[in-house]
Amino acid sequence: MVLEPRFFKRVFLTLLVVVLTGCAGKAPKEPEATGVSPEEARVHVQAGREAYDEGRKDAAVEAWQKAVALDPANSVVVNNLALLLKEQNRFAEAAELLGQGIRRSPAVAELHYNLAVISELYLLDLETALHHYNRYRELASEEDESVAGWIADLERRLR
């Protein structure tokens, strides 16, 4: 069996990320369900966007968590919050949030893509990554050659 240089580069980068970031962070906590209120949630969405634009990322997380608690079906806010949590090395929390988003909005391709990336590169959960890359591929409007390559790589690694 001949291994491609791309495989070694990917493994090296994955290990480097794991070493540099340490453990996955705090255990995820379920957002408090305060009832569905999209109108009130929009106030927190805007506050989070402003905080993020000003570089106040902790305030953005807090505002977007409130928005998700008020309107958990808003997949855009769920996705943005998860990406910000990932940026803060809160990988398990981001993955759990994306999973919740997928349960509410299973046809949103971006949620599957981001859960796949976090699962593969940060949580080293290759089976979950493969599942969500495949689901992303089914839902995406265009064929993504990179994702096709990642799927093939994961299938080889999981054999």
N, C-alpha and C. Protein backbone atom coordinates (compact mmCIF):
# COMPACT_ATOMS: atom_id res chain seq x y z
N MET A 1 0.84 -1.17 0.00
CA MET A 1 0.00 0.00 0.00
C MET A 1 0.89 1.25 0.00
N VAL A 2 0.65 2.16 -0.90
CA VAL A 2 1.43 3.39 -1.02
C VAL A 2 0.59 4.54 -0.45
N LEU A 3 1.18 5.27 0.48
CA LEU A 3 0.49 6.42 1.06
C LEU A 3 0.95 7.70 0.37
N GLU A 4 0.01 8.52 0.05
CA GLU A 4 0.30 9.76 -0.66
C GLU A 4 0.86 10.81 0.31
N PRO A 5 1.72 11.70 -0.18
CA PRO A 5 2.25 12.77 0.67
C PRO A 5 1.14 13.63 1.27
N ARG A 6 0.04 13.78 0.54
CA ARG A 6 -1.09 14.58 1.03
C ARG A 6 -1.64 13.98 2.32
N PHE A 7 -1.64 12.65 2.41
CA PHE A 7 -2.12 11.97 3.61
C PHE A 7 -1.24 12.35 4.81
N PHE A 8 0.08 12.30 4.63
CA PHE A 8 0.99 12.62 5.72
C PHE A 8 0.86 14.08 6.14
N LYS A 9 0.69 14.95 5.18
CA LYS A 9 0.52 16.37 5.49
C LYS A 9 -0.74 16.59 6.31
N ARG A 10 -1.82 15.93 5.93
CA ARG A 10 -3.11 16.07 6.63
C ARG A 10 -2.99 15.53 8.06
N VAL A 11 -2.34 14.37 8.22
CA VAL A 11 -2.16 13.79 9.55
C VAL A 11 -1.29 14.72 10.40
N PHE A 12 -0.22 15.24 9.84
CA PHE A 12 0.65 16.14 10.58
C PHE A 12 -0.09 17.39 11.03
N LEU A 13 -0.85 17.99 10.13
CA LEU A 13 -1.59 19.20 10.48
C LEU A 13 -2.64 18.92 11.55
N THR A 14 -3.29 17.78 11.47
CA THR A 14 -4.28 17.40 12.47
C THR A 14 -3.63 17.26 13.84
N LEU A 15 -2.52 16.55 13.88
CA LEU A 15 -1.81 16.37 15.15
C LEU A 15 -1.29 17.70 15.69
N LEU A 16 -0.82 18.56 14.82
CA LEU A 16 -0.32 19.86 15.24
C LEU A 16 -1.43 20.69 15.88
N VAL A 17 -2.59 20.68 15.27
CA VAL A 17 -3.73 21.41 15.82
C VAL A 17 -4.09 20.87 17.19
N VAL A 18 -4.12 19.56 17.33
CA VAL A 18 -4.47 18.95 18.61
C VAL A 18 -3.46 19.34 19.68
N VAL A 19 -2.20 19.27 19.37
CA VAL A 19 -1.15 19.61 20.34
C VAL A 19 -1.22 21.09 20.72
N LEU A 20 -1.41 21.96 19.74
CA LEU A 20 -1.42 23.39 20.01
C LEU A 20 -2.66 23.85 20.76
N THR A 21 -3.77 23.19 20.55
CA THR A 21 -5.00 23.65 21.18
C THR A 21 -5.31 22.94 22.48
N GLY A 22 -4.66 21.84 22.77
CA GLY A 22 -4.94 21.14 24.01
C GLY A 22 -6.25 20.39 23.93
N CYS A 23 -6.88 20.25 25.07
CA CYS A 23 -8.13 19.48 25.10
C CYS A 23 -9.27 20.28 24.49
N ALA A 24 -10.38 19.62 24.33
CA ALA A 24 -11.52 20.20 23.61
C ALA A 24 -12.25 21.28 24.39
N GLY A 25 -11.93 21.51 25.61
CA GLY A 25 -12.58 22.59 26.35
C GLY A 25 -13.64 22.07 27.30
N LYS A 26 -14.44 22.98 27.78
CA LYS A 26 -15.47 22.67 28.75
C LYS A 26 -16.55 21.78 28.14
N ALA A 27 -17.24 21.06 29.01
CA ALA A 27 -18.35 20.25 28.54
C ALA A 27 -19.45 21.16 28.01
N PRO A 28 -20.11 20.74 26.94
CA PRO A 28 -21.13 21.59 26.36
C PRO A 28 -22.32 21.72 27.30
N LYS A 29 -22.92 22.88 27.28
CA LYS A 29 -24.14 23.04 28.06
C LYS A 29 -25.27 23.39 27.11
N GLU A 30 -26.39 22.82 27.42
CA GLU A 30 -27.59 23.03 26.61
C GLU A 30 -28.08 24.46 26.87
N PRO A 31 -28.38 25.24 25.80
CA PRO A 31 -28.91 26.57 26.04
C PRO A 31 -30.25 26.46 26.75
N GLU A 32 -30.48 27.38 27.67
CA GLU A 32 -31.74 27.38 28.38
C GLU A 32 -32.87 27.67 27.40
N ALA A 33 -33.87 26.81 27.45
CA ALA A 33 -35.03 27.00 26.58
C ALA A 33 -35.95 28.02 27.23
N THR A 34 -36.07 29.17 26.62
CA THR A 34 -36.91 30.22 27.18
C THR A 34 -38.14 30.43 26.33
N GLY A 35 -38.35 29.58 25.35
CA GLY A 35 -39.50 29.74 24.47
C GLY A 35 -39.08 30.36 23.16
N VAL A 36 -39.86 30.10 22.14
CA VAL A 36 -39.55 30.61 20.82
C VAL A 36 -40.04 32.04 20.72
N SER A 37 -39.10 32.93 20.45
CA SER A 37 -39.42 34.35 20.31
C SER A 37 -38.48 34.96 19.28
N PRO A 38 -38.75 34.73 17.98
CA PRO A 38 -37.85 35.24 16.94
C PRO A 38 -37.67 36.75 16.98
N GLU A 39 -38.71 37.49 17.35
CA GLU A 39 -38.60 38.95 17.38
C GLU A 39 -37.60 39.39 18.45
N GLU A 40 -37.72 38.82 19.65
CA GLU A 40 -36.80 39.16 20.72
C GLU A 40 -35.38 38.66 20.41
N ALA A 41 -35.31 37.51 19.75
CA ALA A 41 -34.01 36.94 19.40
C ALA A 41 -33.25 37.87 18.46
N ARG A 42 -33.96 38.55 17.57
CA ARG A 42 -33.29 39.46 16.62
C ARG A 42 -32.50 40.56 17.33
N VAL A 43 -32.99 41.00 18.47
CA VAL A 43 -32.27 42.02 19.26
C VAL A 43 -30.92 41.46 19.68
N HIS A 44 -30.90 40.22 20.13
CA HIS A 44 -29.65 39.60 20.57
C HIS A 44 -28.74 39.26 19.39
N VAL A 45 -29.34 38.89 18.27
CA VAL A 45 -28.55 38.63 17.05
C VAL A 45 -27.79 39.90 16.67
N GLN A 46 -28.49 41.02 16.64
CA GLN A 46 -27.86 42.29 16.28
C GLN A 46 -26.78 42.69 17.29
N ALA A 47 -27.09 42.51 18.57
CA ALA A 47 -26.10 42.84 19.61
C ALA A 47 -24.86 41.97 19.46
N GLY A 48 -25.06 40.70 19.13
CA GLY A 48 -23.93 39.81 18.92
C GLY A 48 -23.11 40.20 17.71
N ARG A 49 -23.78 40.60 16.64
CA ARG A 49 -23.08 41.03 15.42
C ARG A 49 -22.23 42.27 15.71
N GLU A 50 -22.82 43.23 16.43
CA GLU A 50 -22.08 44.45 16.77
C GLU A 50 -20.89 44.14 17.66
N ALA A 51 -21.09 43.29 18.66
CA ALA A 51 -19.99 42.92 19.55
C ALA A 51 -18.88 42.21 18.77
N TYR A 52 -19.27 41.33 17.88
CA TYR A 52 -18.28 40.61 17.08
C TYR A 52 -17.48 41.59 16.21
N ASP A 53 -18.19 42.51 15.56
CA ASP A 53 -17.53 43.49 14.70
C ASP A 53 -16.57 44.38 15.48
N GLU A 54 -16.86 44.59 16.74
CA GLU A 54 -16.01 45.42 17.60
C GLU A 54 -14.90 44.61 18.27
N GLY A 55 -14.85 43.31 17.99
CA GLY A 55 -13.80 42.47 18.56
C GLY A 55 -14.11 41.96 19.96
N ARG A 56 -15.33 42.15 20.43
CA ARG A 56 -15.73 41.68 21.76
C ARG A 56 -16.39 40.31 21.60
N LYS A 57 -15.57 39.32 21.42
CA LYS A 57 -16.07 38.00 21.05
C LYS A 57 -16.81 37.31 22.19
N ASP A 58 -16.39 37.51 23.42
CA ASP A 58 -17.13 36.91 24.53
C ASP A 58 -18.54 37.48 24.62
N ALA A 59 -18.67 38.78 24.39
CA ALA A 59 -19.99 39.41 24.39
C ALA A 59 -20.83 38.90 23.22
N ALA A 60 -20.19 38.66 22.09
CA ALA A 60 -20.91 38.11 20.94
C ALA A 60 -21.43 36.72 21.25
N VAL A 61 -20.60 35.89 21.87
CA VAL A 61 -21.04 34.54 22.26
C VAL A 61 -22.25 34.63 23.18
N GLU A 62 -22.16 35.47 24.17
CA GLU A 62 -23.26 35.60 25.13
C GLU A 62 -24.56 36.05 24.44
N ALA A 63 -24.46 37.04 23.57
CA ALA A 63 -25.64 37.54 22.88
C ALA A 63 -26.22 36.47 21.96
N TRP A 64 -25.37 35.78 21.21
CA TRP A 64 -25.86 34.75 20.29
C TRP A 64 -26.42 33.55 21.04
N GLN A 65 -25.88 33.23 22.22
CA GLN A 65 -26.45 32.15 23.01
C GLN A 65 -27.88 32.51 23.44
N LYS A 66 -28.09 33.77 23.80
CA LYS A 66 -29.44 34.22 24.16
C LYS A 66 -30.35 34.14 22.94
N ALA A 67 -29.84 34.53 21.78
CA ALA A 67 -30.64 34.47 20.55
C ALA A 67 -31.03 33.03 20.23
N VAL A 68 -30.10 32.10 20.37
CA VAL A 68 -30.39 30.69 20.08
C VAL A 68 -31.40 30.14 21.08
N ALA A 69 -31.30 30.55 22.34
CA ALA A 69 -32.27 30.10 23.34
C ALA A 69 -33.68 30.58 23.00
N LEU A 70 -33.77 31.78 22.43
CA LEU A 70 -35.07 32.35 22.07
C LEU A 70 -35.59 31.85 20.72
N ASP A 71 -34.68 31.50 19.83
CA ASP A 71 -35.07 31.03 18.49
C ASP A 71 -34.10 29.95 18.04
N PRO A 72 -34.23 28.74 18.60
CA PRO A 72 -33.26 27.67 18.29
C PRO A 72 -33.32 27.18 16.85
N ALA A 73 -34.32 27.56 16.11
CA ALA A 73 -34.42 27.12 14.71
C ALA A 73 -33.68 28.04 13.75
N ASN A 74 -33.08 29.12 14.24
CA ASN A 74 -32.34 30.05 13.39
C ASN A 74 -30.97 29.45 13.10
N SER A 75 -30.89 28.72 12.00
CA SER A 75 -29.66 27.99 11.68
C SER A 75 -28.48 28.90 11.39
N VAL A 76 -28.72 30.12 10.93
CA VAL A 76 -27.62 31.05 10.65
C VAL A 76 -26.93 31.44 11.96
N VAL A 77 -27.72 31.76 12.97
CA VAL A 77 -27.14 32.14 14.26
C VAL A 77 -26.48 30.93 14.92
N VAL A 78 -27.11 29.78 14.83
CA VAL A 78 -26.51 28.56 15.38
C VAL A 78 -25.15 28.33 14.73
N ASN A 79 -25.08 28.45 13.42
CA ASN A 79 -23.83 28.23 12.69
C ASN A 79 -22.77 29.28 13.08
N ASN A 80 -23.16 30.55 13.12
CA ASN A 80 -22.21 31.60 13.48
C ASN A 80 -21.69 31.42 14.90
N LEU A 81 -22.58 31.09 15.83
CA LEU A 81 -22.16 30.86 17.21
C LEU A 81 -21.21 29.68 17.29
N ALA A 82 -21.52 28.60 16.59
CA ALA A 82 -20.65 27.43 16.61
C ALA A 82 -19.26 27.76 16.06
N LEU A 83 -19.21 28.54 14.99
CA LEU A 83 -17.90 28.92 14.43
C LEU A 83 -17.11 29.79 15.40
N LEU A 84 -17.80 30.66 16.12
CA LEU A 84 -17.11 31.49 17.11
C LEU A 84 -16.63 30.64 18.28
N LEU A 85 -17.43 29.68 18.71
CA LEU A 85 -16.98 28.76 19.77
C LEU A 85 -15.76 27.97 19.30
N LYS A 86 -15.78 27.54 18.05
CA LYS A 86 -14.62 26.83 17.49
C LYS A 86 -13.39 27.72 17.54
N GLU A 87 -13.57 28.98 17.18
CA GLU A 87 -12.46 29.94 17.20
C GLU A 87 -11.89 30.09 18.60
N GLN A 88 -12.71 29.91 19.60
CA GLN A 88 -12.28 30.01 21.00
C GLN A 88 -11.83 28.66 21.56
N ASN A 89 -11.63 27.69 20.68
CA ASN A 89 -11.18 26.34 21.06
C ASN A 89 -12.19 25.61 21.93
N ARG A 90 -13.44 25.93 21.79
CA ARG A 90 -14.53 25.27 22.53
C ARG A 90 -15.21 24.28 21.58
N PHE A 91 -14.41 23.28 21.16
CA PHE A 91 -14.80 22.39 20.08
C PHE A 91 -16.00 21.50 20.43
N ALA A 92 -15.98 20.91 21.61
CA ALA A 92 -17.08 20.03 22.00
C ALA A 92 -18.39 20.82 22.08
N GLU A 93 -18.32 22.00 22.61
CA GLU A 93 -19.51 22.86 22.71
C GLU A 93 -20.02 23.25 21.33
N ALA A 94 -19.11 23.57 20.44
CA ALA A 94 -19.49 23.92 19.07
C ALA A 94 -20.14 22.73 18.37
N ALA A 95 -19.56 21.55 18.54
CA ALA A 95 -20.11 20.34 17.90
C ALA A 95 -21.50 20.04 18.44
N GLU A 96 -21.68 20.16 19.74
CA GLU A 96 -23.00 19.90 20.34
C GLU A 96 -24.03 20.89 19.81
N LEU A 97 -23.65 22.15 19.71
CA LEU A 97 -24.56 23.16 19.19
C LEU A 97 -24.93 22.87 17.74
N LEU A 98 -23.97 22.49 16.93
CA LEU A 98 -24.25 22.14 15.53
C LEU A 98 -25.18 20.93 15.46
N GLY A 99 -24.96 19.96 16.34
CA GLY A 99 -25.84 18.80 16.38
C GLY A 99 -27.27 19.20 16.70
N GLN A 100 -27.44 20.11 17.65
CA GLN A 100 -28.77 20.61 17.99
C GLN A 100 -29.38 21.33 16.78
N GLY A 101 -28.56 22.12 16.11
CA GLY A 101 -29.04 22.83 14.92
C GLY A 101 -29.49 21.87 13.83
N ILE A 102 -28.73 20.79 13.65
CA ILE A 102 -29.07 19.79 12.64
C ILE A 102 -30.37 19.08 13.00
N ARG A 103 -30.57 18.82 14.29
CA ARG A 103 -31.83 18.17 14.69
C ARG A 103 -33.03 19.06 14.37
N ARG A 104 -32.86 20.37 14.45
CA ARG A 104 -33.96 21.29 14.15
C ARG A 104 -34.06 21.63 12.67
N SER A 105 -32.91 21.66 11.99
CA SER A 105 -32.87 22.04 10.57
C SER A 105 -31.98 21.06 9.82
N PRO A 106 -32.44 19.84 9.61
CA PRO A 106 -31.57 18.81 9.03
C PRO A 106 -31.17 19.04 7.58
N ALA A 107 -31.81 19.96 6.89
CA ALA A 107 -31.50 20.19 5.48
C ALA A 107 -30.56 21.36 5.25
N VAL A 108 -29.95 21.90 6.31
CA VAL A 108 -29.01 23.01 6.15
C VAL A 108 -27.60 22.45 5.98
N ALA A 109 -27.11 22.52 4.76
CA ALA A 109 -25.83 21.90 4.41
C ALA A 109 -24.67 22.44 5.24
N GLU A 110 -24.64 23.74 5.51
CA GLU A 110 -23.52 24.36 6.22
C GLU A 110 -23.36 23.81 7.63
N LEU A 111 -24.46 23.46 8.28
CA LEU A 111 -24.37 22.88 9.62
C LEU A 111 -23.65 21.53 9.55
N HIS A 112 -23.98 20.73 8.56
CA HIS A 112 -23.32 19.42 8.39
C HIS A 112 -21.84 19.61 8.06
N TYR A 113 -21.53 20.56 7.19
CA TYR A 113 -20.14 20.81 6.81
C TYR A 113 -19.30 21.19 8.03
N ASN A 114 -19.79 22.16 8.80
CA ASN A 114 -19.01 22.63 9.95
C ASN A 114 -18.90 21.57 11.04
N LEU A 115 -19.95 20.77 11.23
CA LEU A 115 -19.84 19.67 12.20
C LEU A 115 -18.83 18.64 11.71
N ALA A 116 -18.79 18.38 10.43
CA ALA A 116 -17.82 17.43 9.88
C ALA A 116 -16.39 17.93 10.10
N VAL A 117 -16.15 19.20 9.81
CA VAL A 117 -14.80 19.76 9.98
C VAL A 117 -14.36 19.70 11.44
N ILE A 118 -15.22 20.13 12.34
CA ILE A 118 -14.87 20.12 13.76
C ILE A 118 -14.66 18.69 14.25
N SER A 119 -15.52 17.78 13.81
CA SER A 119 -15.40 16.38 14.23
C SER A 119 -14.09 15.78 13.75
N GLU A 120 -13.72 16.06 12.51
CA GLU A 120 -12.50 15.47 11.97
C GLU A 120 -11.24 16.10 12.55
N LEU A 121 -11.13 17.41 12.45
CA LEU A 121 -9.86 18.07 12.75
C LEU A 121 -9.63 18.35 14.23
N TYR A 122 -10.67 18.55 14.99
CA TYR A 122 -10.49 18.97 16.38
C TYR A 122 -10.91 17.90 17.38
N LEU A 123 -11.93 17.11 17.07
CA LEU A 123 -12.39 16.08 17.99
C LEU A 123 -11.90 14.69 17.59
N LEU A 124 -11.33 14.58 16.39
CA LEU A 124 -10.80 13.33 15.86
C LEU A 124 -11.86 12.23 15.84
N ASP A 125 -13.10 12.62 15.59
CA ASP A 125 -14.22 11.68 15.47
C ASP A 125 -14.47 11.48 13.98
N LEU A 126 -13.74 10.56 13.40
CA LEU A 126 -13.74 10.38 11.95
C LEU A 126 -15.06 9.83 11.41
N GLU A 127 -15.71 8.97 12.16
CA GLU A 127 -16.99 8.43 11.69
C GLU A 127 -18.06 9.52 11.60
N THR A 128 -18.12 10.36 12.62
CA THR A 128 -19.07 11.48 12.59
C THR A 128 -18.73 12.42 11.45
N ALA A 129 -17.46 12.69 11.27
CA ALA A 129 -17.03 13.57 10.18
C ALA A 129 -17.47 13.01 8.83
N LEU A 130 -17.21 11.73 8.61
CA LEU A 130 -17.58 11.11 7.34
C LEU A 130 -19.09 11.20 7.11
N HIS A 131 -19.86 10.90 8.13
CA HIS A 131 -21.32 10.97 8.00
C HIS A 131 -21.77 12.37 7.57
N HIS A 132 -21.24 13.40 8.23
CA HIS A 132 -21.71 14.76 7.95
C HIS A 132 -21.12 15.33 6.65
N TYR A 133 -19.91 14.91 6.27
CA TYR A 133 -19.42 15.30 4.95
C TYR A 133 -20.33 14.71 3.86
N ASN A 134 -20.72 13.46 4.04
CA ASN A 134 -21.61 12.83 3.06
C ASN A 134 -22.97 13.53 3.02
N ARG A 135 -23.47 13.88 4.18
CA ARG A 135 -24.76 14.57 4.22
C ARG A 135 -24.64 15.96 3.58
N TYR A 136 -23.54 16.64 3.85
CA TYR A 136 -23.29 17.93 3.21
C TYR A 136 -23.29 17.78 1.69
N ARG A 137 -22.59 16.77 1.24
CA ARG A 137 -22.48 16.53 -0.21
C ARG A 137 -23.85 16.29 -0.83
N GLU A 138 -24.73 15.58 -0.13
CA GLU A 138 -26.09 15.34 -0.62
C GLU A 138 -26.90 16.63 -0.71
N LEU A 139 -26.68 17.52 0.25
CA LEU A 139 -27.50 18.74 0.35
C LEU A 139 -26.94 19.92 -0.45
N ALA A 140 -25.64 19.93 -0.70
CA ALA A 140 -25.00 21.08 -1.35
C ALA A 140 -25.51 21.23 -2.78
N SER A 141 -25.62 22.46 -3.20
CA SER A 141 -26.14 22.73 -4.54
C SER A 141 -25.10 22.45 -5.62
N GLU A 142 -23.82 22.48 -5.26
CA GLU A 142 -22.74 22.22 -6.22
C GLU A 142 -21.81 21.14 -5.68
N GLU A 143 -21.18 20.42 -6.57
CA GLU A 143 -20.19 19.41 -6.19
C GLU A 143 -18.94 20.13 -5.69
N ASP A 144 -18.43 19.71 -4.55
CA ASP A 144 -17.23 20.28 -3.96
C ASP A 144 -16.13 19.23 -4.03
N GLU A 145 -15.14 19.48 -4.91
CA GLU A 145 -14.08 18.50 -5.12
C GLU A 145 -13.25 18.27 -3.86
N SER A 146 -13.06 19.32 -3.06
CA SER A 146 -12.30 19.16 -1.82
C SER A 146 -13.01 18.20 -0.88
N VAL A 147 -14.31 18.39 -0.71
CA VAL A 147 -15.07 17.51 0.17
C VAL A 147 -15.05 16.08 -0.36
N ALA A 148 -15.15 15.91 -1.65
CA ALA A 148 -15.08 14.56 -2.24
C ALA A 148 -13.75 13.90 -1.89
N GLY A 149 -12.68 14.67 -1.94
CA GLY A 149 -11.37 14.14 -1.58
C GLY A 149 -11.27 13.79 -0.10
N TRP A 150 -11.85 14.64 0.75
CA TRP A 150 -11.83 14.37 2.20
C TRP A 150 -12.63 13.12 2.52
N ILE A 151 -13.76 12.93 1.82
CA ILE A 151 -14.57 11.74 2.02
C ILE A 151 -13.76 10.49 1.65
N ALA A 152 -13.12 10.54 0.50
CA ALA A 152 -12.31 9.40 0.06
C ALA A 152 -11.19 9.12 1.07
N ASP A 153 -10.55 10.16 1.56
CA ASP A 153 -9.49 10.01 2.55
C ASP A 153 -10.02 9.38 3.84
N LEU A 154 -11.16 9.86 4.32
CA LEU A 154 -11.74 9.31 5.54
C LEU A 154 -12.15 7.85 5.35
N GLU A 155 -12.72 7.55 4.20
CA GLU A 155 -13.11 6.16 3.94
C GLU A 155 -11.90 5.24 3.97
N ARG A 156 -10.78 5.68 3.41
CA ARG A 156 -9.54 4.88 3.45
C ARG A 156 -9.06 4.73 4.89
N ARG A 157 -9.09 5.80 5.65
CA ARG A 157 -8.59 5.77 7.03
C ARG A 157 -9.46 4.91 7.93
N LEU A 158 -10.75 4.83 7.64
CA LEU A 158 -11.66 4.06 8.49
C LEU A 158 -11.76 2.59 8.13
N ARG A 159 -11.12 2.18 7.03
CA ARG A 159 -11.16 0.77 6.64
C ARG A 159 -10.45 -0.09 7.63
